[in-house]
Full PDB file with SEQRES, HELIX, SHEET, SSBOND, CRYST1, ORIGX, SCALE, CONECT and MASTER records, all heavy atoms in Angstrom:
SEQRES   1 A   31  ILE LEU GLU LYS ASN ALA ARG LEU PRO VAL GLU ASP ILE          
SEQRES   2 A   31  ALA ALA MET MET GLY LYS THR PRO ALA GLN VAL ALA ALA          
SEQRES   3 A   31  MET MET ASP GLU ALA                                          
HELIX    1 AA1 VAL A   10  MET A   17  1                                   8    
HELIX    2 AA2 PRO A   21  GLU A   30  1                                  10    
CRYST1    1.000    1.000    1.000  90.00  90.00  90.00 P 1           1          
ORIGX1      1.000000  0.000000  0.000000        0.00000                         
ORIGX2      0.000000  1.000000  0.000000        0.00000                         
ORIGX3      0.000000  0.000000  1.000000        0.00000                         
SCALE1      1.000000  0.000000  0.000000        0.00000                         
SCALE2      0.000000  1.000000  0.000000        0.00000                         
SCALE3      0.000000  0.000000  1.000000        0.00000                         
ATOM      1  N   ILE A   1     102.010 134.083 142.150  1.00  0.00           N  
ATOM      2  CA  ILE A   1     101.988 134.047 140.681  1.00  0.00           C  
ATOM      3  C   ILE A   1     100.974 133.026 140.192  1.00  0.00           C  
ATOM      4  O   ILE A   1     100.168 133.300 139.296  1.00  0.00           O  
ATOM      5  CB  ILE A   1     103.396 133.721 140.132  1.00  0.00           C  
ATOM      6  CG1 ILE A   1     104.346 134.887 140.402  1.00  0.00           C  
ATOM      7  CG2 ILE A   1     103.338 133.438 138.635  1.00  0.00           C  
ATOM      8  CD1 ILE A   1     105.803 134.592 140.061  1.00  0.00           C  
ATOM      9  N   LEU A   2     100.994 131.838 140.792  1.00  0.00           N  
ATOM     10  CA  LEU A   2     100.048 130.795 140.390  1.00  0.00           C  
ATOM     11  C   LEU A   2      98.612 131.181 140.703  1.00  0.00           C  
ATOM     12  O   LEU A   2      97.691 130.851 139.949  1.00  0.00           O  
ATOM     13  CB  LEU A   2     100.387 129.475 141.092  1.00  0.00           C  
ATOM     14  CG  LEU A   2     101.548 128.655 140.536  1.00  0.00           C  
ATOM     15  CD1 LEU A   2     101.648 127.347 141.299  1.00  0.00           C  
ATOM     16  CD2 LEU A   2     101.386 128.381 139.056  1.00  0.00           C  
ATOM     17  N   GLU A   3      98.417 131.866 141.831  1.00  0.00           N  
ATOM     18  CA  GLU A   3      97.060 132.250 142.224  1.00  0.00           C  
ATOM     19  C   GLU A   3      96.436 133.188 141.199  1.00  0.00           C  
ATOM     20  O   GLU A   3      95.246 133.126 140.919  1.00  0.00           O  
ATOM     21  CB  GLU A   3      97.083 132.923 143.602  1.00  0.00           C  
ATOM     22  CG  GLU A   3      95.709 133.230 144.163  1.00  0.00           C  
ATOM     23  CD  GLU A   3      95.773 133.891 145.517  1.00  0.00           C  
ATOM     24  OE1 GLU A   3      96.746 134.643 145.759  1.00  0.00           O  
ATOM     25  OE2 GLU A   3      94.866 133.668 146.326  1.00  0.00           O  
ATOM     26  N   LYS A   4      97.262 134.055 140.607  1.00  0.00           N  
ATOM     27  CA  LYS A   4      96.756 134.998 139.618  1.00  0.00           C  
ATOM     28  C   LYS A   4      96.525 134.334 138.264  1.00  0.00           C  
ATOM     29  O   LYS A   4      95.585 134.674 137.549  1.00  0.00           O  
ATOM     30  CB  LYS A   4      97.729 136.168 139.472  1.00  0.00           C  
ATOM     31  CG  LYS A   4      97.785 137.068 140.692  1.00  0.00           C  
ATOM     32  CD  LYS A   4      98.742 138.220 140.481  1.00  0.00           C  
ATOM     33  CE  LYS A   4      98.780 139.131 141.703  1.00  0.00           C  
ATOM     34  NZ  LYS A   4      99.738 140.259 141.511  1.00  0.00           N  
ATOM     35  N   ASN A   5      97.411 133.398 137.894  1.00  0.00           N  
ATOM     36  CA  ASN A   5      97.271 132.718 136.601  1.00  0.00           C  
ATOM     37  C   ASN A   5      97.959 131.364 136.667  1.00  0.00           C  
ATOM     38  O   ASN A   5      99.179 131.265 136.504  1.00  0.00           O  
ATOM     39  CB  ASN A   5      97.865 133.564 135.476  1.00  0.00           C  
ATOM     40  CG  ASN A   5      97.577 132.974 134.105  1.00  0.00           C  
ATOM     41  OD1 ASN A   5      96.980 131.898 133.976  1.00  0.00           O  
ATOM     42  ND2 ASN A   5      98.004 133.671 133.067  1.00  0.00           N  
ATOM     43  N   ALA A   6      97.180 130.317 136.922  1.00  0.00           N  
ATOM     44  CA  ALA A   6      97.747 128.972 137.075  1.00  0.00           C  
ATOM     45  C   ALA A   6      98.150 128.354 135.744  1.00  0.00           C  
ATOM     46  O   ALA A   6      98.755 127.283 135.723  1.00  0.00           O  
ATOM     47  CB  ALA A   6      96.746 128.057 137.788  1.00  0.00           C  
ATOM     48  N   ARG A   7      97.812 129.014 134.633  1.00  0.00           N  
ATOM     49  CA  ARG A   7      98.139 128.470 133.318  1.00  0.00           C  
ATOM     50  C   ARG A   7      99.451 129.025 132.754  1.00  0.00           C  
ATOM     51  O   ARG A   7      99.814 128.700 131.630  1.00  0.00           O  
ATOM     52  CB  ARG A   7      97.003 128.764 132.335  1.00  0.00           C  
ATOM     53  CG  ARG A   7      95.695 128.061 132.659  1.00  0.00           C  
ATOM     54  CD  ARG A   7      94.708 128.198 131.516  1.00  0.00           C  
ATOM     55  NE  ARG A   7      95.188 127.515 130.318  1.00  0.00           N  
ATOM     56  CZ  ARG A   7      94.602 127.610 129.130  1.00  0.00           C  
ATOM     57  NH1 ARG A   7      93.539 128.385 128.983  1.00  0.00           N  
ATOM     58  NH2 ARG A   7      95.070 126.961 128.092  1.00  0.00           N  
ATOM     59  N   LEU A   8     100.126 129.846 133.521  1.00  0.00           N  
ATOM     60  CA  LEU A   8     101.403 130.370 133.034  1.00  0.00           C  
ATOM     61  C   LEU A   8     102.386 129.230 132.786  1.00  0.00           C  
ATOM     62  O   LEU A   8     102.528 128.334 133.626  1.00  0.00           O  
ATOM     63  CB  LEU A   8     102.002 131.333 134.059  1.00  0.00           C  
ATOM     64  CG  LEU A   8     101.526 132.783 134.037  1.00  0.00           C  
ATOM     65  CD1 LEU A   8     102.179 133.546 135.176  1.00  0.00           C  
ATOM     66  CD2 LEU A   8     101.841 133.444 132.706  1.00  0.00           C  
ATOM     67  N   PRO A   9     103.074 129.235 131.642  1.00  0.00           N  
ATOM     68  CA  PRO A   9     104.093 128.208 131.398  1.00  0.00           C  
ATOM     69  C   PRO A   9     105.209 128.269 132.431  1.00  0.00           C  
ATOM     70  O   PRO A   9     105.498 129.333 132.980  1.00  0.00           O  
ATOM     71  CB  PRO A   9     104.612 128.550 129.994  1.00  0.00           C  
ATOM     72  CG  PRO A   9     103.533 129.373 129.368  1.00  0.00           C  
ATOM     73  CD  PRO A   9     102.894 130.128 130.484  1.00  0.00           C  
ATOM     74  N   VAL A  10     105.801 127.135 132.703  1.00  0.00           N  
ATOM     75  CA  VAL A  10     106.887 127.070 133.677  1.00  0.00           C  
ATOM     76  C   VAL A  10     108.012 128.014 133.289  1.00  0.00           C  
ATOM     77  O   VAL A  10     108.645 128.646 134.149  1.00  0.00           O  
ATOM     78  CB  VAL A  10     107.407 125.613 133.793  1.00  0.00           C  
ATOM     79  CG1 VAL A  10     108.640 125.559 134.680  1.00  0.00           C  
ATOM     80  CG2 VAL A  10     106.320 124.703 134.354  1.00  0.00           C  
ATOM     81  N   GLU A  11     108.278 128.135 131.985  1.00  0.00           N  
ATOM     82  CA  GLU A  11     109.364 129.007 131.517  1.00  0.00           C  
ATOM     83  C   GLU A  11     109.098 130.473 131.863  1.00  0.00           C  
ATOM     84  O   GLU A  11     110.018 131.204 132.237  1.00  0.00           O  
ATOM     85  CB  GLU A  11     109.533 128.854 129.996  1.00  0.00           C  
ATOM     86  CG  GLU A  11     110.055 127.498 129.549  1.00  0.00           C  
ATOM     87  CD  GLU A  11     108.981 126.414 129.572  1.00  0.00           C  
ATOM     88  OE1 GLU A  11     107.786 126.766 129.724  1.00  0.00           O  
ATOM     89  OE2 GLU A  11     109.332 125.228 129.432  1.00  0.00           O  
ATOM     90  N   ASP A  12     107.820 130.900 131.765  1.00  0.00           N  
ATOM     91  CA  ASP A  12     107.474 132.289 132.095  1.00  0.00           C  
ATOM     92  C   ASP A  12     107.623 132.547 133.592  1.00  0.00           C  
ATOM     93  O   ASP A  12     108.106 133.604 134.008  1.00  0.00           O  
ATOM     94  CB  ASP A  12     106.044 132.593 131.652  1.00  0.00           C  
ATOM     95  CG  ASP A  12     105.899 132.605 130.135  1.00  0.00           C  
ATOM     96  OD1 ASP A  12     106.939 132.503 129.446  1.00  0.00           O  
ATOM     97  OD2 ASP A  12     104.763 132.714 129.649  1.00  0.00           O  
ATOM     98  N   ILE A  13     107.187 131.590 134.394  1.00  0.00           N  
ATOM     99  CA  ILE A  13     107.320 131.745 135.853  1.00  0.00           C  
ATOM    100  C   ILE A  13     108.791 131.793 136.236  1.00  0.00           C  
ATOM    101  O   ILE A  13     109.203 132.588 137.091  1.00  0.00           O  
ATOM    102  CB  ILE A  13     106.614 130.593 136.588  1.00  0.00           C  
ATOM    103  CG1 ILE A  13     105.121 130.588 136.260  1.00  0.00           C  
ATOM    104  CG2 ILE A  13     106.818 130.702 138.092  1.00  0.00           C  
ATOM    105  CD1 ILE A  13     104.360 129.429 136.863  1.00  0.00           C  
ATOM    106  N   ALA A  14     109.607 130.951 135.600  1.00  0.00           N  
ATOM    107  CA  ALA A  14     111.048 130.942 135.878  1.00  0.00           C  
ATOM    108  C   ALA A  14     111.673 132.288 135.558  1.00  0.00           C  
ATOM    109  O   ALA A  14     112.511 132.806 136.318  1.00  0.00           O  
ATOM    110  CB  ALA A  14     111.718 129.825 135.077  1.00  0.00           C  
ATOM    111  N   ALA A  15     111.267 132.897 134.443  1.00  0.00           N  
ATOM    112  CA  ALA A  15     111.809 134.199 134.060  1.00  0.00           C  
ATOM    113  C   ALA A  15     111.393 135.281 135.051  1.00  0.00           C  
ATOM    114  O   ALA A  15     112.176 136.175 135.393  1.00  0.00           O  
ATOM    115  CB  ALA A  15     111.346 134.560 132.658  1.00  0.00           C  
ATOM    116  N   MET A  16     110.165 135.205 135.550  1.00  0.00           N  
ATOM    117  CA  MET A  16     109.668 136.187 136.515  1.00  0.00           C  
ATOM    118  C   MET A  16     110.379 136.073 137.850  1.00  0.00           C  
ATOM    119  O   MET A  16     110.577 137.080 138.552  1.00  0.00           O  
ATOM    120  CB  MET A  16     108.168 135.991 136.718  1.00  0.00           C  
ATOM    121  CG  MET A  16     107.336 136.273 135.478  1.00  0.00           C  
ATOM    122  SD  MET A  16     105.615 135.731 135.637  1.00  0.00           S  
ATOM    123  CE  MET A  16     105.028 136.850 136.900  1.00  0.00           C  
ATOM    124  N   MET A  17     110.796 134.844 138.219  1.00  0.00           N  
ATOM    125  CA  MET A  17     111.413 134.623 139.527  1.00  0.00           C  
ATOM    126  C   MET A  17     112.929 134.556 139.478  1.00  0.00           C  
ATOM    127  O   MET A  17     113.577 134.452 140.525  1.00  0.00           O  
ATOM    128  CB  MET A  17     110.866 133.324 140.134  1.00  0.00           C  
ATOM    129  CG  MET A  17     109.375 133.326 140.395  1.00  0.00           C  
ATOM    130  SD  MET A  17     108.823 131.817 141.237  1.00  0.00           S  
ATOM    131  CE  MET A  17     109.707 131.971 142.801  1.00  0.00           C  
ATOM    132  N   GLY A  18     113.496 134.596 138.281  1.00  0.00           N  
ATOM    133  CA  GLY A  18     114.944 134.489 138.162  1.00  0.00           C  
ATOM    134  C   GLY A  18     115.458 133.100 138.470  1.00  0.00           C  
ATOM    135  O   GLY A  18     116.542 132.940 139.031  1.00  0.00           O  
ATOM    136  N   LYS A  19     114.671 132.086 138.108  1.00  0.00           N  
ATOM    137  CA  LYS A  19     115.056 130.698 138.351  1.00  0.00           C  
ATOM    138  C   LYS A  19     114.997 129.919 137.043  1.00  0.00           C  
ATOM    139  O   LYS A  19     114.530 130.422 136.014  1.00  0.00           O  
ATOM    140  CB  LYS A  19     114.141 130.046 139.391  1.00  0.00           C  
ATOM    141  CG  LYS A  19     114.312 130.587 140.806  1.00  0.00           C  
ATOM    142  CD  LYS A  19     113.432 129.852 141.784  1.00  0.00           C  
ATOM    143  CE  LYS A  19     113.711 130.269 143.212  1.00  0.00           C  
ATOM    144  NZ  LYS A  19     115.067 129.885 143.658  1.00  0.00           N  
ATOM    145  N   THR A  20     115.462 128.678 137.085  1.00  0.00           N  
ATOM    146  CA  THR A  20     115.387 127.820 135.910  1.00  0.00           C  
ATOM    147  C   THR A  20     114.032 127.104 135.888  1.00  0.00           C  
ATOM    148  O   THR A  20     113.397 126.936 136.943  1.00  0.00           O  
ATOM    149  CB  THR A  20     116.507 126.772 135.924  1.00  0.00           C  
ATOM    150  OG1 THR A  20     116.301 125.877 137.033  1.00  0.00           O  
ATOM    151  CG2 THR A  20     117.876 127.434 136.058  1.00  0.00           C  
ATOM    152  N   PRO A  21     113.573 126.684 134.714  1.00  0.00           N  
ATOM    153  CA  PRO A  21     112.321 125.923 134.651  1.00  0.00           C  
ATOM    154  C   PRO A  21     112.338 124.673 135.520  1.00  0.00           C  
ATOM    155  O   PRO A  21     111.309 124.305 136.104  1.00  0.00           O  
ATOM    156  CB  PRO A  21     112.207 125.568 133.160  1.00  0.00           C  
ATOM    157  CG  PRO A  21     112.938 126.666 132.456  1.00  0.00           C  
ATOM    158  CD  PRO A  21     114.091 127.004 133.363  1.00  0.00           C  
ATOM    159  N   ALA A  22     113.484 124.018 135.619  1.00  0.00           N  
ATOM    160  CA  ALA A  22     113.577 122.818 136.448  1.00  0.00           C  
ATOM    161  C   ALA A  22     113.350 123.157 137.920  1.00  0.00           C  
ATOM    162  O   ALA A  22     112.694 122.401 138.651  1.00  0.00           O  
ATOM    163  CB  ALA A  22     114.942 122.158 136.264  1.00  0.00           C  
ATOM    164  N   GLN A  23     113.886 124.298 138.372  1.00  0.00           N  
ATOM    165  CA  GLN A  23     113.690 124.716 139.763  1.00  0.00           C  
ATOM    166  C   GLN A  23     112.222 125.045 140.035  1.00  0.00           C  
ATOM    167  O   GLN A  23     111.679 124.708 141.085  1.00  0.00           O  
ATOM    168  CB  GLN A  23     114.572 125.926 140.072  1.00  0.00           C  
ATOM    169  CG  GLN A  23     116.055 125.616 140.151  1.00  0.00           C  
ATOM    170  CD  GLN A  23     116.895 126.869 140.319  1.00  0.00           C  
ATOM    171  OE1 GLN A  23     116.629 127.900 139.702  1.00  0.00           O  
ATOM    172  NE2 GLN A  23     117.920 126.784 141.157  1.00  0.00           N  
ATOM    173  N   VAL A  24     111.574 125.703 139.085  1.00  0.00           N  
ATOM    174  CA  VAL A  24     110.159 126.047 139.248  1.00  0.00           C  
ATOM    175  C   VAL A  24     109.307 124.782 139.274  1.00  0.00           C  
ATOM    176  O   VAL A  24     108.373 124.655 140.078  1.00  0.00           O  
ATOM    177  CB  VAL A  24     109.698 126.989 138.120  1.00  0.00           C  
ATOM    178  CG1 VAL A  24     108.184 127.175 138.159  1.00  0.00           C  
ATOM    179  CG2 VAL A  24     110.389 128.330 138.249  1.00  0.00           C  
ATOM    180  N   ALA A  25     109.613 123.823 138.405  1.00  0.00           N  
ATOM    181  CA  ALA A  25     108.870 122.556 138.393  1.00  0.00           C  
ATOM    182  C   ALA A  25     109.029 121.831 139.716  1.00  0.00           C  
ATOM    183  O   ALA A  25     108.061 121.246 140.239  1.00  0.00           O  
ATOM    184  CB  ALA A  25     109.361 121.682 137.238  1.00  0.00           C  
ATOM    185  N   ALA A  26     110.229 121.874 140.296  1.00  0.00           N  
ATOM    186  CA  ALA A  26     110.463 121.239 141.593  1.00  0.00           C  
ATOM    187  C   ALA A  26     109.673 121.948 142.691  1.00  0.00           C  
ATOM    188  O   ALA A  26     109.128 121.305 143.594  1.00  0.00           O  
ATOM    189  CB  ALA A  26     111.951 121.249 141.913  1.00  0.00           C  
ATOM    190  N   MET A  27     109.604 123.288 142.622  1.00  0.00           N  
ATOM    191  CA  MET A  27     108.826 124.044 143.599  1.00  0.00           C  
ATOM    192  C   MET A  27     107.349 123.693 143.514  1.00  0.00           C  
ATOM    193  O   MET A  27     106.660 123.583 144.536  1.00  0.00           O  
ATOM    194  CB  MET A  27     109.027 125.552 143.385  1.00  0.00           C  
ATOM    195  CG  MET A  27     110.419 126.055 143.716  1.00  0.00           C  
ATOM    196  SD  MET A  27     110.628 127.810 143.312  1.00  0.00           S  
ATOM    197  CE  MET A  27     109.514 128.563 144.483  1.00  0.00           C  
ATOM    198  N   MET A  28     106.856 123.509 142.291  1.00  0.00           N  
ATOM    199  CA  MET A  28     105.454 123.160 142.118  1.00  0.00           C  
ATOM    200  C   MET A  28     105.160 121.776 142.692  1.00  0.00           C  
ATOM    201  O   MET A  28     104.150 121.576 143.383  1.00  0.00           O  
ATOM    202  CB  MET A  28     105.074 123.209 140.634  1.00  0.00           C  
ATOM    203  CG  MET A  28     103.599 122.971 140.374  1.00  0.00           C  
ATOM    204  SD  MET A  28     103.125 123.226 138.648  1.00  0.00           S  
ATOM    205  CE  MET A  28     103.480 124.972 138.444  1.00  0.00           C  
ATOM    206  N   ASP A  29     106.041 120.818 142.427  1.00  0.00           N  
ATOM    207  CA  ASP A  29     105.854 119.469 142.974  1.00  0.00           C  
ATOM    208  C   ASP A  29     105.869 119.499 144.501  1.00  0.00           C  
ATOM    209  O   ASP A  29     105.066 118.820 145.155  1.00  0.00           O  
ATOM    210  CB  ASP A  29     106.955 118.536 142.462  1.00  0.00           C  
ATOM    211  CG  ASP A  29     106.817 118.259 140.969  1.00  0.00           C  
ATOM    212  OD1 ASP A  29     105.717 118.444 140.431  1.00  0.00           O  
ATOM    213  OD2 ASP A  29     107.830 117.864 140.349  1.00  0.00           O  
ATOM    214  N   GLU A  30     106.770 120.291 145.057  1.00  0.00           N  
ATOM    215  CA  GLU A  30     106.866 120.395 146.513  1.00  0.00           C  
ATOM    216  C   GLU A  30     105.618 121.043 147.097  1.00  0.00           C  
ATOM    217  O   GLU A  30     105.087 120.597 148.125  1.00  0.00           O  
ATOM    218  CB  GLU A  30     108.102 121.216 146.897  1.00  0.00           C  
ATOM    219  CG  GLU A  30     108.275 121.392 148.406  1.00  0.00           C  
ATOM    220  CD  GLU A  30     109.456 122.293 148.754  1.00  0.00           C  
ATOM    221  OE1 GLU A  30     110.130 122.791 147.824  1.00  0.00           O  
ATOM    222  OE2 GLU A  30     109.691 122.502 149.962  1.00  0.00           O  
ATOM    223  N   ALA A  31     105.128 122.093 146.433  1.00  0.00           N  
ATOM    224  CA  ALA A  31     103.943 122.800 146.922  1.00  0.00           C  
ATOM    225  C   ALA A  31     102.715 121.901 146.901  1.00  0.00           C  
ATOM    226  O   ALA A  31     101.880 121.942 147.813  1.00  0.00           O  
ATOM    227  CB  ALA A  31     103.699 124.052 146.084  1.00  0.00           C  
TER     228      ALA A  31                                                      
MASTER        0    0    0    2    0    0    0    6  227    1    0    3          
END                                                                             
């Protein structure tokens, strides 16, 4: 998802993955 569009808001990525924004932010920090 990030490779295609790194400017997507965390909330949009969370909705696409079925996760919370906090979980997506944690995944980004880990990555």
